[in-house]
């Protein structure tokens, strides 16, 4: 009976790994869409002009700063995501330590 509980734990571990892989795939699909939406957001902002009807508009310099801030944020998010994927991939496959140990032996 103890053997059956070990099989259940192995199945649960496998299910968790599959779940994590799917979440990583979801993040990888969502990041470009989020970036496109954030970069398109300034198109909805009212322009700051000398026209009396355009009150409270956003200046072009503020929009440019926003675009570069989003761009830098997306680069940082991709970097963090790549580190997480590398760490989790090493964990799923047994890591680089076990692979190098197999080559030595």
C-alpha atoms as a PDB file:
ATOM      1  CA  UNK A   1       0.000   0.000   0.000  1.00  0.00           C
ATOM      2  CA  UNK A   2       2.918   2.318   0.632  1.00  0.00           C
ATOM      3  CA  UNK A   3       3.909   1.797  -2.990  1.00  0.00           C
ATOM      4  CA  UNK A   4       0.534   3.111  -4.172  1.00  0.00           C
ATOM      5  CA  UNK A   5       0.903   6.324  -2.154  1.00  0.00           C
ATOM      6  CA  UNK A   6       4.350   6.884  -3.715  1.00  0.00           C
ATOM      7  CA  UNK A   7       2.801   6.572  -7.174  1.00  0.00           C
ATOM      8  CA  UNK A   8       0.174   9.125  -6.210  1.00  0.00           C
ATOM      9  CA  UNK A   9       2.854  11.551  -5.025  1.00  0.00           C
ATOM     10  CA  UNK A  10       4.785  11.105  -8.256  1.00  0.00           C
ATOM     11  CA  UNK A  11       1.585  11.733 -10.201  1.00  0.00           C
ATOM     12  CA  UNK A  12       0.878  14.878  -8.170  1.00  0.00           C
ATOM     13  CA  UNK A  13       4.428  16.144  -8.763  1.00  0.00           C
ATOM     14  CA  UNK A  14       4.051  15.511 -12.491  1.00  0.00           C
ATOM     15  CA  UNK A  15       0.717  17.333 -12.505  1.00  0.00           C
ATOM     16  CA  UNK A  16       2.299  20.335 -10.740  1.00  0.00           C
ATOM     17  CA  UNK A  17       5.130  20.440 -13.266  1.00  0.00           C
ATOM     18  CA  UNK A  18       2.644  20.286 -16.135  1.00  0.00           C
ATOM     19  CA  UNK A  19       0.630  23.076 -14.528  1.00  0.00           C
ATOM     20  CA  UNK A  20       3.747  25.247 -14.162  1.00  0.00           C
ATOM     21  CA  UNK A  21       4.756  24.628 -17.762  1.00  0.00           C
ATOM     22  CA  UNK A  22       1.321  25.704 -18.927  1.00  0.00           C
ATOM     23  CA  UNK A  23       1.491  28.864 -16.823  1.00  0.00           C
ATOM     24  CA  UNK A  24       4.880  29.686 -18.337  1.00  0.00           C
ATOM     25  CA  UNK A  25       3.422  29.206 -21.798  1.00  0.00           C
ATOM     26  CA  UNK A  26       0.526  31.489 -20.838  1.00  0.00           C
ATOM     27  CA  UNK A  27       2.951  34.184 -19.660  1.00  0.00           C
ATOM     28  CA  UNK A  28       4.984  33.881 -22.844  1.00  0.00           C
ATOM     29  CA  UNK A  29       1.825  34.424 -24.891  1.00  0.00           C
ATOM     30  CA  UNK A  30       0.529  37.253 -22.730  1.00  0.00           C
ATOM     31  CA  UNK A  31       3.682  39.400 -22.559  1.00  0.00           C
ATOM     32  CA  UNK A  32       3.660  40.584 -26.224  1.00  0.00           C
ATOM     33  CA  UNK A  33      -0.059  41.349 -26.053  1.00  0.00           C
ATOM     34  CA  UNK A  34       0.412  43.319 -22.844  1.00  0.00           C
ATOM     35  CA  UNK A  35       3.328  45.190 -24.416  1.00  0.00           C
ATOM     36  CA  UNK A  36       1.312  46.086 -27.513  1.00  0.00           C
ATOM     37  CA  UNK A  37      -1.562  47.361 -25.386  1.00  0.00           C
ATOM     38  CA  UNK A  38       0.716  49.439 -23.174  1.00  0.00           C
ATOM     39  CA  UNK A  39       2.550  50.899 -26.177  1.00  0.00           C
ATOM     40  CA  UNK A  40      -0.744  51.740 -27.923  1.00  0.00           C
ATOM     41  CA  UNK A  41      -2.178  53.468 -24.848  1.00  0.00           C
ATOM     42  CA  UNK A  42      -0.758  56.930 -25.705  1.00  0.00           C
ATOM     43  CA  UNK A  43      -2.843  56.869 -28.900  1.00  0.00           C
ATOM     44  CA  UNK A  44      -5.912  57.279 -26.693  1.00  0.00           C
ATOM     45  CA  UNK A  45      -4.542  60.248 -24.761  1.00  0.00           C
ATOM     46  CA  UNK A  46      -5.776  63.704 -25.738  1.00  0.00           C
ATOM     47  CA  UNK A  47      -3.155  65.947 -27.286  1.00  0.00           C
ATOM     48  CA  UNK A  48      -1.970  69.068 -25.534  1.00  0.00           C
ATOM     49  CA  UNK A  49      -2.541  71.912 -27.961  1.00  0.00           C
ATOM     50  CA  UNK A  50      -3.366  75.571 -27.914  1.00  0.00           C
ATOM     51  CA  UNK A  51      -6.978  74.833 -28.860  1.00  0.00           C
ATOM     52  CA  UNK A  52      -9.372  75.867 -26.070  1.00  0.00           C
ATOM     53  CA  UNK A  53     -11.346  72.617 -26.303  1.00  0.00           C
ATOM     54  CA  UNK A  54      -8.231  70.501 -25.603  1.00  0.00           C
ATOM     55  CA  UNK A  55      -8.036  70.850 -21.836  1.00  0.00           C
ATOM     56  CA  UNK A  56      -5.745  68.665 -19.786  1.00  0.00           C
ATOM     57  CA  UNK A  57      -4.007  67.080 -22.739  1.00  0.00           C
ATOM     58  CA  UNK A  58      -0.775  65.115 -22.475  1.00  0.00           C
ATOM     59  CA  UNK A  59       2.357  66.665 -23.912  1.00  0.00           C
ATOM     60  CA  UNK A  60       4.398  64.835 -26.521  1.00  0.00           C
ATOM     61  CA  UNK A  61       7.412  64.699 -24.223  1.00  0.00           C
ATOM     62  CA  UNK A  62       5.363  62.949 -21.524  1.00  0.00           C
ATOM     63  CA  UNK A  63       4.112  60.439 -24.097  1.00  0.00           C
ATOM     64  CA  UNK A  64       7.661  59.737 -25.300  1.00  0.00           C
ATOM     65  CA  UNK A  65       8.862  59.230 -21.726  1.00  0.00           C
ATOM     66  CA  UNK A  66       5.947  56.828 -21.150  1.00  0.00           C
ATOM     67  CA  UNK A  67       6.791  54.821 -24.298  1.00  0.00           C
ATOM     68  CA  UNK A  68      10.455  54.472 -23.288  1.00  0.00           C
ATOM     69  CA  UNK A  69       9.483  53.533 -19.727  1.00  0.00           C
ATOM     70  CA  UNK A  70       7.169  50.803 -21.052  1.00  0.00           C
ATOM     71  CA  UNK A  71       9.908  49.633 -23.415  1.00  0.00           C
ATOM     72  CA  UNK A  72      12.434  49.356 -20.571  1.00  0.00           C
ATOM     73  CA  UNK A  73       9.813  47.636 -18.408  1.00  0.00           C
ATOM     74  CA  UNK A  74       9.135  45.055 -21.120  1.00  0.00           C
ATOM     75  CA  UNK A  75      12.859  44.371 -21.498  1.00  0.00           C
ATOM     76  CA  UNK A  76      13.141  43.878 -17.721  1.00  0.00           C
ATOM     77  CA  UNK A  77      10.073  41.613 -17.680  1.00  0.00           C
ATOM     78  CA  UNK A  78      11.515  39.483 -20.504  1.00  0.00           C
ATOM     79  CA  UNK A  79      14.830  39.218 -18.651  1.00  0.00           C
ATOM     80  CA  UNK A  80      13.136  38.116 -15.418  1.00  0.00           C
ATOM     81  CA  UNK A  81      10.930  35.705 -17.354  1.00  0.00           C
ATOM     82  CA  UNK A  82      13.950  34.166 -19.096  1.00  0.00           C
ATOM     83  CA  UNK A  83      15.731  33.665 -15.758  1.00  0.00           C
ATOM     84  CA  UNK A  84      12.622  31.997 -14.326  1.00  0.00           C
ATOM     85  CA  UNK A  85      12.266  29.729 -17.344  1.00  0.00           C
ATOM     86  CA  UNK A  86      15.932  28.743 -17.151  1.00  0.00           C
ATOM     87  CA  UNK A  87      15.690  28.005 -13.430  1.00  0.00           C
ATOM     88  CA  UNK A  88      12.504  25.995 -13.792  1.00  0.00           C
ATOM     89  CA  UNK A  89      13.825  24.141 -16.840  1.00  0.00           C
ATOM     90  CA  UNK A  90      16.928  23.133 -14.891  1.00  0.00           C
ATOM     91  CA  UNK A  91      14.696  21.920 -12.074  1.00  0.00           C
ATOM     92  CA  UNK A  92      12.447  19.937 -14.431  1.00  0.00           C
ATOM     93  CA  UNK A  93      15.258  18.268 -16.332  1.00  0.00           C
ATOM     94  CA  UNK A  94      17.403  17.559 -13.296  1.00  0.00           C
ATOM     95  CA  UNK A  95      19.642  20.593 -13.641  1.00  0.00           C
ATOM     96  CA  UNK A  96      23.056  21.151 -15.174  1.00  0.00           C
ATOM     97  CA  UNK A  97      24.810  19.568 -12.166  1.00  0.00           C
ATOM     98  CA  UNK A  98      23.393  16.130 -12.906  1.00  0.00           C
ATOM     99  CA  UNK A  99      24.160  16.439 -16.616  1.00  0.00           C
ATOM    100  CA  UNK A 100      27.806  17.331 -15.935  1.00  0.00           C
ATOM    101  CA  UNK A 101      28.051  14.523 -13.394  1.00  0.00           C
ATOM    102  CA  UNK A 102      26.844  12.027 -15.993  1.00  0.00           C
ATOM    103  CA  UNK A 103      29.540  13.151 -18.433  1.00  0.00           C
ATOM    104  CA  UNK A 104      32.303  12.792 -15.831  1.00  0.00           C
ATOM    105  CA  UNK A 105      31.299   9.239 -14.879  1.00  0.00           C
END
